[in-house]
Amino acid sequence: MKALAGDAEVWLEQRLGYLQTRSPLLGRGYQLRLATLADRDAILLLERYCFSPWLAFGRRHWQEQLRRQSRRVWLILDGAQVLAYMALLPHRGWHQVSLTALAVHWQHRGRGLGTLLLSLAELEARAHGLPRLRLEVDCDNQGALDLYQRHGYVALRTIPDYYGVGRPGIRLEKRLPESA
């Protein structure tokens, strides 16, 4: 995905502005913005807190995520500290936005950061004219499963060995209602 087309970019900026004024989190000094290559090390630090080494993407993967225009990585920060991130891959051919990563620092879970990022993912999907969001999650990650299900994601299938031998993943999807 290159930069959003003019009207879609304006639409997303308007919705993002609305989201930023309505979110009590952002009123407390947290910042929501797109990541840049300069954020890579801060993202890696949060990744180490959130994922075991065999599930973490690592330096090279994040370098590519942040360089490609087809990806959008959103951050929630408190000062210079990354509290949460979300990586999205809009895909017109698949008619979906793939949510490839979402992490919230363990000390900040339950405060609405994941909810804010999922709301933003829906805005991104709508801006691209894509009707659904998809993701995979470790079947043992009950906290993430609960979050996604609270936000309308439904399980499509279990994927054997998705996270390594004997570690299945679950593919979840959320279909967005058509806009009025």
N, C-alpha and C. Protein backbone atom coordinates (compact mmCIF):
# COMPACT_ATOMS: atom_id res chain seq x y z
N MET A 1 0.83 -1.16 0.00
CA MET A 1 0.00 0.00 0.00
C MET A 1 0.88 1.23 0.00
N LYS A 2 0.71 2.07 -0.96
CA LYS A 2 1.38 3.36 -0.92
C LYS A 2 0.57 4.24 0.01
N ALA A 3 0.93 5.48 0.10
CA ALA A 3 0.14 6.39 0.92
C ALA A 3 -1.31 6.31 0.46
N LEU A 4 -2.21 6.50 1.40
CA LEU A 4 -3.63 6.47 1.05
C LEU A 4 -3.93 7.53 0.01
N ALA A 5 -4.89 7.24 -0.85
CA ALA A 5 -5.33 8.22 -1.84
C ALA A 5 -5.91 9.43 -1.10
N GLY A 6 -5.87 10.59 -1.74
CA GLY A 6 -6.25 11.87 -1.13
C GLY A 6 -7.49 11.83 -0.26
N ASP A 7 -8.64 11.44 -0.81
CA ASP A 7 -9.89 11.44 -0.05
C ASP A 7 -9.83 10.47 1.12
N ALA A 8 -9.24 9.30 0.91
CA ALA A 8 -9.14 8.31 1.98
C ALA A 8 -8.22 8.81 3.09
N GLU A 9 -7.14 9.49 2.72
CA GLU A 9 -6.22 10.04 3.73
C GLU A 9 -6.92 11.12 4.55
N VAL A 10 -7.67 11.99 3.90
CA VAL A 10 -8.41 13.03 4.61
C VAL A 10 -9.44 12.39 5.54
N TRP A 11 -10.16 11.39 5.04
CA TRP A 11 -11.17 10.69 5.85
C TRP A 11 -10.52 10.09 7.09
N LEU A 12 -9.38 9.41 6.89
CA LEU A 12 -8.70 8.77 8.02
C LEU A 12 -8.21 9.83 9.00
N GLU A 13 -7.64 10.91 8.52
CA GLU A 13 -7.16 11.97 9.40
C GLU A 13 -8.30 12.56 10.23
N GLN A 14 -9.47 12.76 9.62
CA GLN A 14 -10.62 13.28 10.36
C GLN A 14 -11.05 12.30 11.45
N ARG A 15 -11.14 11.02 11.11
CA ARG A 15 -11.55 10.03 12.10
C ARG A 15 -10.51 9.88 13.20
N LEU A 16 -9.25 9.94 12.82
CA LEU A 16 -8.17 9.85 13.80
C LEU A 16 -8.23 11.05 14.75
N GLY A 17 -8.47 12.22 14.22
CA GLY A 17 -8.63 13.41 15.08
C GLY A 17 -9.77 13.23 16.05
N TYR A 18 -10.89 12.70 15.58
CA TYR A 18 -12.03 12.43 16.44
C TYR A 18 -11.66 11.41 17.52
N LEU A 19 -10.99 10.34 17.11
CA LEU A 19 -10.58 9.30 18.05
C LEU A 19 -9.65 9.89 19.12
N GLN A 20 -8.75 10.76 18.70
CA GLN A 20 -7.81 11.34 19.65
C GLN A 20 -8.50 12.27 20.64
N THR A 21 -9.55 12.96 20.22
CA THR A 21 -10.25 13.85 21.15
C THR A 21 -11.18 13.08 22.07
N ARG A 22 -11.64 11.90 21.65
CA ARG A 22 -12.59 11.12 22.44
C ARG A 22 -11.91 10.12 23.38
N SER A 23 -10.65 9.83 23.17
CA SER A 23 -9.98 8.82 23.98
C SER A 23 -9.46 9.43 25.28
N PRO A 24 -9.94 8.94 26.42
CA PRO A 24 -9.43 9.45 27.69
C PRO A 24 -7.93 9.15 27.86
N LEU A 25 -7.45 8.09 27.21
CA LEU A 25 -6.03 7.76 27.31
C LEU A 25 -5.16 8.86 26.73
N LEU A 26 -5.56 9.34 25.56
CA LEU A 26 -4.75 10.35 24.89
C LEU A 26 -4.85 11.68 25.61
N GLY A 27 -5.92 11.87 26.40
CA GLY A 27 -6.04 13.06 27.22
C GLY A 27 -5.10 13.04 28.42
N ARG A 28 -4.56 11.88 28.75
CA ARG A 28 -3.63 11.75 29.87
C ARG A 28 -2.17 11.91 29.44
N GLY A 29 -1.97 12.36 28.24
CA GLY A 29 -0.61 12.59 27.79
C GLY A 29 -0.03 11.50 26.91
N TYR A 30 -0.75 10.42 26.71
CA TYR A 30 -0.27 9.41 25.78
C TYR A 30 -0.35 9.96 24.37
N GLN A 31 0.52 9.48 23.52
CA GLN A 31 0.56 9.93 22.13
C GLN A 31 0.30 8.75 21.22
N LEU A 32 -0.50 8.96 20.18
CA LEU A 32 -0.78 7.95 19.16
C LEU A 32 -0.19 8.46 17.85
N ARG A 33 0.68 7.66 17.23
CA ARG A 33 1.27 8.07 15.96
C ARG A 33 1.81 6.88 15.20
N LEU A 34 2.08 7.12 13.90
CA LEU A 34 2.72 6.10 13.07
C LEU A 34 4.18 5.97 13.47
N ALA A 35 4.69 4.76 13.43
CA ALA A 35 6.08 4.50 13.75
C ALA A 35 6.98 4.86 12.57
N THR A 36 8.21 5.17 12.90
CA THR A 36 9.25 5.39 11.90
C THR A 36 10.40 4.42 12.17
N LEU A 37 11.34 4.38 11.28
CA LEU A 37 12.49 3.51 11.46
C LEU A 37 13.23 3.84 12.76
N ALA A 38 13.19 5.10 13.18
CA ALA A 38 13.86 5.51 14.42
C ALA A 38 13.22 4.86 15.65
N ASP A 39 12.01 4.32 15.53
CA ASP A 39 11.32 3.68 16.66
C ASP A 39 11.65 2.20 16.81
N ARG A 40 12.43 1.65 15.90
CA ARG A 40 12.67 0.21 15.88
C ARG A 40 13.15 -0.34 17.22
N ASP A 41 14.14 0.29 17.83
CA ASP A 41 14.69 -0.26 19.07
C ASP A 41 13.68 -0.21 20.21
N ALA A 42 12.86 0.83 20.25
CA ALA A 42 11.82 0.91 21.29
C ALA A 42 10.76 -0.17 21.07
N ILE A 43 10.43 -0.46 19.82
CA ILE A 43 9.49 -1.54 19.51
C ILE A 43 10.08 -2.88 19.92
N LEU A 44 11.35 -3.08 19.62
CA LEU A 44 12.02 -4.33 20.01
C LEU A 44 12.04 -4.51 21.53
N LEU A 45 12.22 -3.43 22.26
CA LEU A 45 12.21 -3.51 23.71
C LEU A 45 10.85 -3.98 24.22
N LEU A 46 9.78 -3.40 23.69
CA LEU A 46 8.44 -3.83 24.09
C LEU A 46 8.19 -5.27 23.66
N GLU A 47 8.65 -5.62 22.48
CA GLU A 47 8.47 -6.99 21.99
C GLU A 47 9.10 -8.00 22.96
N ARG A 48 10.26 -7.66 23.52
CA ARG A 48 10.91 -8.55 24.49
C ARG A 48 10.08 -8.74 25.75
N TYR A 49 9.35 -7.70 26.16
CA TYR A 49 8.47 -7.80 27.33
C TYR A 49 7.26 -8.67 27.05
N CYS A 50 6.79 -8.65 25.81
CA CYS A 50 5.49 -9.25 25.49
C CYS A 50 5.55 -10.66 24.92
N PHE A 51 6.64 -11.01 24.26
CA PHE A 51 6.68 -12.29 23.55
C PHE A 51 7.93 -13.07 23.89
N SER A 52 7.78 -14.38 23.91
CA SER A 52 8.94 -15.24 24.12
C SER A 52 9.86 -15.11 22.90
N PRO A 53 11.13 -15.45 23.06
CA PRO A 53 12.07 -15.28 21.94
C PRO A 53 11.67 -16.04 20.67
N TRP A 54 11.01 -17.18 20.82
CA TRP A 54 10.65 -17.95 19.62
C TRP A 54 9.40 -17.39 18.92
N LEU A 55 8.68 -16.47 19.57
CA LEU A 55 7.53 -15.82 18.94
C LEU A 55 7.85 -14.40 18.46
N ALA A 56 8.90 -13.81 19.00
CA ALA A 56 9.24 -12.43 18.65
C ALA A 56 9.70 -12.34 17.20
N PHE A 57 9.37 -11.22 16.56
CA PHE A 57 9.78 -11.00 15.17
C PHE A 57 11.27 -10.71 15.06
N GLY A 58 11.79 -9.86 15.90
CA GLY A 58 13.21 -9.54 15.87
C GLY A 58 13.55 -8.32 15.02
N ARG A 59 14.80 -7.93 15.12
CA ARG A 59 15.32 -6.71 14.51
C ARG A 59 15.12 -6.65 13.00
N ARG A 60 15.48 -7.69 12.29
CA ARG A 60 15.40 -7.67 10.83
C ARG A 60 13.94 -7.53 10.35
N HIS A 61 13.04 -8.25 10.99
CA HIS A 61 11.63 -8.18 10.61
C HIS A 61 11.08 -6.76 10.81
N TRP A 62 11.37 -6.17 11.98
CA TRP A 62 10.86 -4.82 12.24
C TRP A 62 11.49 -3.80 11.31
N GLN A 63 12.75 -4.00 10.97
CA GLN A 63 13.41 -3.11 10.00
C GLN A 63 12.61 -3.11 8.70
N GLU A 64 12.22 -4.29 8.22
CA GLU A 64 11.43 -4.40 6.99
C GLU A 64 10.02 -3.83 7.17
N GLN A 65 9.39 -4.14 8.28
CA GLN A 65 8.03 -3.62 8.55
C GLN A 65 8.02 -2.10 8.46
N LEU A 66 9.02 -1.48 9.04
CA LEU A 66 9.05 -0.02 9.11
C LEU A 66 9.51 0.64 7.81
N ARG A 67 10.19 -0.09 6.97
CA ARG A 67 10.64 0.47 5.69
C ARG A 67 9.59 0.38 4.59
N ARG A 68 8.77 -0.63 4.64
CA ARG A 68 7.80 -0.85 3.56
C ARG A 68 6.60 0.07 3.66
N GLN A 69 6.27 0.68 2.55
CA GLN A 69 5.10 1.55 2.51
C GLN A 69 3.80 0.74 2.59
N SER A 70 3.88 -0.54 2.34
CA SER A 70 2.67 -1.37 2.38
C SER A 70 2.23 -1.68 3.82
N ARG A 71 3.06 -1.36 4.78
CA ARG A 71 2.76 -1.64 6.20
C ARG A 71 2.53 -0.33 6.94
N ARG A 72 1.68 -0.41 7.94
CA ARG A 72 1.49 0.74 8.83
C ARG A 72 1.63 0.22 10.26
N VAL A 73 2.56 0.79 10.98
CA VAL A 73 2.80 0.41 12.36
C VAL A 73 2.44 1.61 13.23
N TRP A 74 1.46 1.41 14.10
CA TRP A 74 0.98 2.46 15.00
C TRP A 74 1.55 2.25 16.38
N LEU A 75 1.86 3.34 17.05
CA LEU A 75 2.41 3.30 18.40
C LEU A 75 1.54 4.11 19.35
N ILE A 76 1.50 3.66 20.59
CA ILE A 76 1.01 4.49 21.69
C ILE A 76 2.20 4.68 22.62
N LEU A 77 2.52 5.93 22.87
CA LEU A 77 3.70 6.26 23.66
C LEU A 77 3.34 7.08 24.89
N ASP A 78 4.18 6.95 25.89
CA ASP A 78 4.17 7.83 27.05
C ASP A 78 5.56 8.44 27.07
N GLY A 79 5.67 9.64 26.58
CA GLY A 79 6.99 10.23 26.38
C GLY A 79 7.70 9.47 25.29
N ALA A 80 8.89 8.96 25.59
CA ALA A 80 9.65 8.18 24.59
C ALA A 80 9.39 6.68 24.69
N GLN A 81 8.65 6.25 25.73
CA GLN A 81 8.42 4.82 25.94
C GLN A 81 7.23 4.33 25.11
N VAL A 82 7.47 3.29 24.32
CA VAL A 82 6.39 2.65 23.58
C VAL A 82 5.63 1.75 24.53
N LEU A 83 4.35 2.07 24.73
CA LEU A 83 3.50 1.27 25.61
C LEU A 83 2.76 0.19 24.85
N ALA A 84 2.50 0.45 23.55
CA ALA A 84 1.74 -0.50 22.74
C ALA A 84 2.06 -0.23 21.27
N TYR A 85 1.95 -1.29 20.47
CA TYR A 85 2.09 -1.12 19.03
C TYR A 85 1.15 -2.07 18.31
N MET A 86 0.89 -1.72 17.05
CA MET A 86 0.04 -2.55 16.19
C MET A 86 0.58 -2.40 14.77
N ALA A 87 0.76 -3.53 14.09
CA ALA A 87 1.21 -3.53 12.70
C ALA A 87 0.08 -4.03 11.80
N LEU A 88 -0.17 -3.30 10.73
CA LEU A 88 -1.27 -3.61 9.81
C LEU A 88 -0.74 -3.77 8.40
N LEU A 89 -1.37 -4.69 7.67
CA LEU A 89 -1.08 -4.88 6.26
C LEU A 89 -2.40 -4.86 5.50
N PRO A 90 -2.76 -3.71 4.92
CA PRO A 90 -3.96 -3.67 4.08
C PRO A 90 -3.70 -4.45 2.79
N HIS A 91 -4.65 -5.27 2.39
CA HIS A 91 -4.45 -6.12 1.21
C HIS A 91 -5.73 -6.14 0.39
N ARG A 92 -5.72 -5.42 -0.71
CA ARG A 92 -6.91 -5.35 -1.57
C ARG A 92 -7.25 -6.69 -2.20
N GLY A 93 -6.26 -7.47 -2.57
CA GLY A 93 -6.51 -8.78 -3.19
C GLY A 93 -7.22 -9.74 -2.26
N TRP A 94 -6.92 -9.65 -0.98
CA TRP A 94 -7.57 -10.52 0.00
C TRP A 94 -8.79 -9.85 0.61
N HIS A 95 -9.05 -8.61 0.24
CA HIS A 95 -10.19 -7.83 0.74
C HIS A 95 -10.18 -7.74 2.27
N GLN A 96 -9.00 -7.47 2.82
CA GLN A 96 -8.88 -7.42 4.27
C GLN A 96 -7.68 -6.60 4.70
N VAL A 97 -7.69 -6.26 5.97
CA VAL A 97 -6.50 -5.73 6.63
C VAL A 97 -6.03 -6.83 7.56
N SER A 98 -4.80 -7.25 7.38
CA SER A 98 -4.21 -8.24 8.29
C SER A 98 -3.54 -7.50 9.44
N LEU A 99 -3.94 -7.86 10.63
CA LEU A 99 -3.33 -7.32 11.83
C LEU A 99 -2.19 -8.28 12.17
N THR A 100 -0.96 -7.88 11.83
CA THR A 100 0.17 -8.82 11.95
C THR A 100 0.84 -8.80 13.31
N ALA A 101 0.60 -7.75 14.09
CA ALA A 101 1.18 -7.70 15.43
C ALA A 101 0.41 -6.70 16.28
N LEU A 102 0.19 -7.07 17.52
CA LEU A 102 -0.38 -6.14 18.50
C LEU A 102 0.22 -6.52 19.85
N ALA A 103 0.80 -5.52 20.50
CA ALA A 103 1.41 -5.77 21.80
C ALA A 103 1.13 -4.59 22.72
N VAL A 104 0.85 -4.91 23.97
CA VAL A 104 0.65 -3.90 25.01
C VAL A 104 1.56 -4.29 26.18
N HIS A 105 2.34 -3.33 26.67
CA HIS A 105 3.23 -3.59 27.80
C HIS A 105 2.42 -4.16 28.96
N TRP A 106 2.92 -5.17 29.61
CA TRP A 106 2.17 -5.88 30.64
C TRP A 106 1.74 -4.97 31.78
N GLN A 107 2.50 -3.91 32.08
CA GLN A 107 2.12 -3.01 33.17
C GLN A 107 0.98 -2.06 32.77
N HIS A 108 0.64 -2.05 31.49
CA HIS A 108 -0.39 -1.12 31.00
C HIS A 108 -1.60 -1.84 30.41
N ARG A 109 -1.66 -3.14 30.60
CA ARG A 109 -2.81 -3.89 30.09
C ARG A 109 -4.05 -3.59 30.93
N GLY A 110 -5.21 -3.70 30.27
CA GLY A 110 -6.46 -3.45 30.95
C GLY A 110 -6.82 -1.98 31.07
N ARG A 111 -6.08 -1.12 30.40
CA ARG A 111 -6.32 0.33 30.47
C ARG A 111 -6.94 0.88 29.19
N GLY A 112 -7.19 0.01 28.21
CA GLY A 112 -7.82 0.46 26.98
C GLY A 112 -6.90 0.70 25.80
N LEU A 113 -5.61 0.41 25.96
CA LEU A 113 -4.67 0.63 24.86
C LEU A 113 -4.97 -0.31 23.69
N GLY A 114 -5.22 -1.58 23.98
CA GLY A 114 -5.57 -2.53 22.92
C GLY A 114 -6.86 -2.15 22.23
N THR A 115 -7.84 -1.70 23.01
CA THR A 115 -9.11 -1.25 22.44
C THR A 115 -8.91 -0.08 21.50
N LEU A 116 -8.08 0.87 21.91
CA LEU A 116 -7.79 2.03 21.06
C LEU A 116 -7.14 1.58 19.75
N LEU A 117 -6.19 0.68 19.82
CA LEU A 117 -5.53 0.21 18.60
C LEU A 117 -6.48 -0.57 17.70
N LEU A 118 -7.35 -1.38 18.28
CA LEU A 118 -8.32 -2.11 17.46
C LEU A 118 -9.31 -1.16 16.79
N SER A 119 -9.68 -0.09 17.47
CA SER A 119 -10.55 0.92 16.85
C SER A 119 -9.83 1.56 15.67
N LEU A 120 -8.56 1.81 15.84
CA LEU A 120 -7.76 2.39 14.77
C LEU A 120 -7.64 1.42 13.59
N ALA A 121 -7.51 0.14 13.87
CA ALA A 121 -7.45 -0.86 12.79
C ALA A 121 -8.73 -0.83 11.96
N GLU A 122 -9.86 -0.67 12.63
CA GLU A 122 -11.13 -0.57 11.90
C GLU A 122 -11.17 0.68 11.03
N LEU A 123 -10.67 1.79 11.55
CA LEU A 123 -10.60 3.02 10.75
C LEU A 123 -9.73 2.82 9.52
N GLU A 124 -8.60 2.16 9.70
CA GLU A 124 -7.71 1.88 8.57
C GLU A 124 -8.42 1.02 7.52
N ALA A 125 -9.11 -0.01 7.96
CA ALA A 125 -9.82 -0.88 7.02
C ALA A 125 -10.86 -0.09 6.24
N ARG A 126 -11.62 0.73 6.94
CA ARG A 126 -12.64 1.55 6.26
C ARG A 126 -12.01 2.53 5.28
N ALA A 127 -10.89 3.14 5.67
CA ALA A 127 -10.22 4.10 4.79
C ALA A 127 -9.75 3.43 3.49
N HIS A 128 -9.43 2.16 3.57
CA HIS A 128 -8.99 1.40 2.39
C HIS A 128 -10.16 0.73 1.67
N GLY A 129 -11.36 0.86 2.21
CA GLY A 129 -12.51 0.22 1.60
C GLY A 129 -12.48 -1.29 1.73
N LEU A 130 -11.86 -1.79 2.81
CA LEU A 130 -11.73 -3.23 3.01
C LEU A 130 -12.72 -3.69 4.09
N PRO A 131 -13.45 -4.78 3.81
CA PRO A 131 -14.59 -5.15 4.67
C PRO A 131 -14.26 -5.98 5.90
N ARG A 132 -13.01 -6.38 6.10
CA ARG A 132 -12.75 -7.24 7.25
C ARG A 132 -11.31 -7.08 7.74
N LEU A 133 -11.13 -7.51 8.98
CA LEU A 133 -9.82 -7.58 9.62
C LEU A 133 -9.57 -9.03 9.99
N ARG A 134 -8.33 -9.46 9.83
CA ARG A 134 -7.95 -10.83 10.21
C ARG A 134 -6.66 -10.81 10.99
N LEU A 135 -6.51 -11.80 11.85
CA LEU A 135 -5.28 -11.95 12.62
C LEU A 135 -5.16 -13.39 13.08
N GLU A 136 -3.98 -13.73 13.53
CA GLU A 136 -3.73 -15.02 14.16
C GLU A 136 -3.23 -14.75 15.57
N VAL A 137 -3.63 -15.62 16.50
CA VAL A 137 -3.22 -15.47 17.89
C VAL A 137 -2.92 -16.86 18.45
N ASP A 138 -1.96 -16.90 19.36
CA ASP A 138 -1.60 -18.14 20.04
C ASP A 138 -2.81 -18.61 20.84
N CYS A 139 -3.17 -19.87 20.70
CA CYS A 139 -4.36 -20.38 21.38
C CYS A 139 -4.22 -20.33 22.90
N ASP A 140 -2.99 -20.21 23.41
CA ASP A 140 -2.77 -20.12 24.85
C ASP A 140 -2.80 -18.68 25.37
N ASN A 141 -2.94 -17.71 24.47
CA ASN A 141 -2.95 -16.31 24.87
C ASN A 141 -4.38 -15.87 25.17
N GLN A 142 -4.87 -16.28 26.33
CA GLN A 142 -6.27 -16.05 26.67
C GLN A 142 -6.61 -14.57 26.78
N GLY A 143 -5.69 -13.78 27.28
CA GLY A 143 -5.94 -12.34 27.38
C GLY A 143 -6.20 -11.71 26.02
N ALA A 144 -5.39 -12.07 25.04
CA ALA A 144 -5.58 -11.54 23.69
C ALA A 144 -6.87 -12.08 23.08
N LEU A 145 -7.13 -13.36 23.25
CA LEU A 145 -8.38 -13.93 22.72
C LEU A 145 -9.60 -13.23 23.30
N ASP A 146 -9.57 -12.97 24.60
CA ASP A 146 -10.69 -12.26 25.24
C ASP A 146 -10.85 -10.86 24.67
N LEU A 147 -9.75 -10.15 24.49
CA LEU A 147 -9.79 -8.80 23.92
C LEU A 147 -10.43 -8.83 22.54
N TYR A 148 -9.95 -9.70 21.68
CA TYR A 148 -10.46 -9.75 20.31
C TYR A 148 -11.93 -10.14 20.28
N GLN A 149 -12.32 -11.10 21.08
CA GLN A 149 -13.72 -11.53 21.09
C GLN A 149 -14.64 -10.45 21.64
N ARG A 150 -14.17 -9.68 22.62
CA ARG A 150 -14.96 -8.55 23.12
C ARG A 150 -15.21 -7.52 22.03
N HIS A 151 -14.32 -7.47 21.07
CA HIS A 151 -14.42 -6.48 19.99
C HIS A 151 -14.99 -7.07 18.71
N GLY A 152 -15.63 -8.22 18.82
CA GLY A 152 -16.38 -8.76 17.70
C GLY A 152 -15.63 -9.68 16.76
N TYR A 153 -14.43 -10.07 17.11
CA TYR A 153 -13.68 -11.03 16.29
C TYR A 153 -14.21 -12.43 16.58
N VAL A 154 -14.32 -13.22 15.54
CA VAL A 154 -14.78 -14.61 15.70
C VAL A 154 -13.70 -15.55 15.16
N ALA A 155 -13.61 -16.71 15.80
CA ALA A 155 -12.64 -17.71 15.39
C ALA A 155 -13.09 -18.36 14.09
N LEU A 156 -12.16 -18.43 13.14
CA LEU A 156 -12.44 -19.09 11.87
C LEU A 156 -11.92 -20.52 11.86
N ARG A 157 -10.72 -20.69 12.39
CA ARG A 157 -10.13 -22.03 12.40
C ARG A 157 -8.90 -22.06 13.28
N THR A 158 -8.56 -23.26 13.68
CA THR A 158 -7.31 -23.50 14.40
C THR A 158 -6.26 -23.91 13.39
N ILE A 159 -5.06 -23.37 13.53
CA ILE A 159 -3.97 -23.67 12.61
C ILE A 159 -2.91 -24.45 13.37
N PRO A 160 -2.79 -25.76 13.11
CA PRO A 160 -1.82 -26.58 13.85
C PRO A 160 -0.39 -26.06 13.65
N ASP A 161 0.38 -26.08 14.71
CA ASP A 161 1.81 -25.75 14.68
C ASP A 161 2.12 -24.35 14.15
N TYR A 162 1.18 -23.44 14.21
CA TYR A 162 1.38 -22.09 13.68
C TYR A 162 2.51 -21.36 14.40
N TYR A 163 2.60 -21.57 15.70
CA TYR A 163 3.64 -20.92 16.49
C TYR A 163 4.77 -21.87 16.86
N GLY A 164 4.93 -22.94 16.11
CA GLY A 164 5.94 -23.95 16.36
C GLY A 164 5.29 -25.29 16.62
N VAL A 165 6.08 -26.32 16.68
CA VAL A 165 5.57 -27.67 16.87
C VAL A 165 4.77 -27.74 18.17
N GLY A 166 3.53 -28.18 18.03
CA GLY A 166 2.66 -28.33 19.19
C GLY A 166 2.06 -27.03 19.70
N ARG A 167 2.24 -25.92 18.98
CA ARG A 167 1.71 -24.62 19.40
C ARG A 167 0.76 -24.09 18.34
N PRO A 168 -0.51 -24.46 18.42
CA PRO A 168 -1.47 -24.00 17.41
C PRO A 168 -1.82 -22.53 17.56
N GLY A 169 -2.22 -21.96 16.45
CA GLY A 169 -2.74 -20.59 16.44
C GLY A 169 -4.22 -20.64 16.09
N ILE A 170 -4.89 -19.55 16.35
CA ILE A 170 -6.29 -19.42 15.98
C ILE A 170 -6.41 -18.22 15.05
N ARG A 171 -7.03 -18.43 13.91
CA ARG A 171 -7.31 -17.33 12.99
C ARG A 171 -8.64 -16.71 13.37
N LEU A 172 -8.62 -15.40 13.59
CA LEU A 172 -9.81 -14.65 13.95
C LEU A 172 -10.12 -13.64 12.86
N GLU A 173 -11.39 -13.30 12.75
CA GLU A 173 -11.81 -12.33 11.74
C GLU A 173 -12.91 -11.45 12.30
N LYS A 174 -12.89 -10.22 11.87
CA LYS A 174 -14.00 -9.30 12.17
C LYS A 174 -14.47 -8.70 10.85
N ARG A 175 -15.72 -8.93 10.55
CA ARG A 175 -16.34 -8.31 9.37
C ARG A 175 -16.93 -6.98 9.81
N LEU A 176 -16.63 -5.95 9.05
CA LEU A 176 -17.13 -4.62 9.38
C LEU A 176 -18.48 -4.39 8.76
N PRO A 177 -19.40 -3.83 9.51
CA PRO A 177 -20.71 -3.52 8.91
C PRO A 177 -20.52 -2.44 7.86
N GLU A 178 -21.35 -2.48 6.85
CA GLU A 178 -21.25 -1.46 5.81
C GLU A 178 -21.63 -0.12 6.38
N SER A 179 -20.90 0.90 5.95
CA SER A 179 -21.17 2.26 6.43
C SER A 179 -22.45 2.78 5.82
N ALA A 180 -23.14 3.59 6.58
CA ALA A 180 -24.38 4.18 6.09
C ALA A 180 -24.09 5.36 5.20
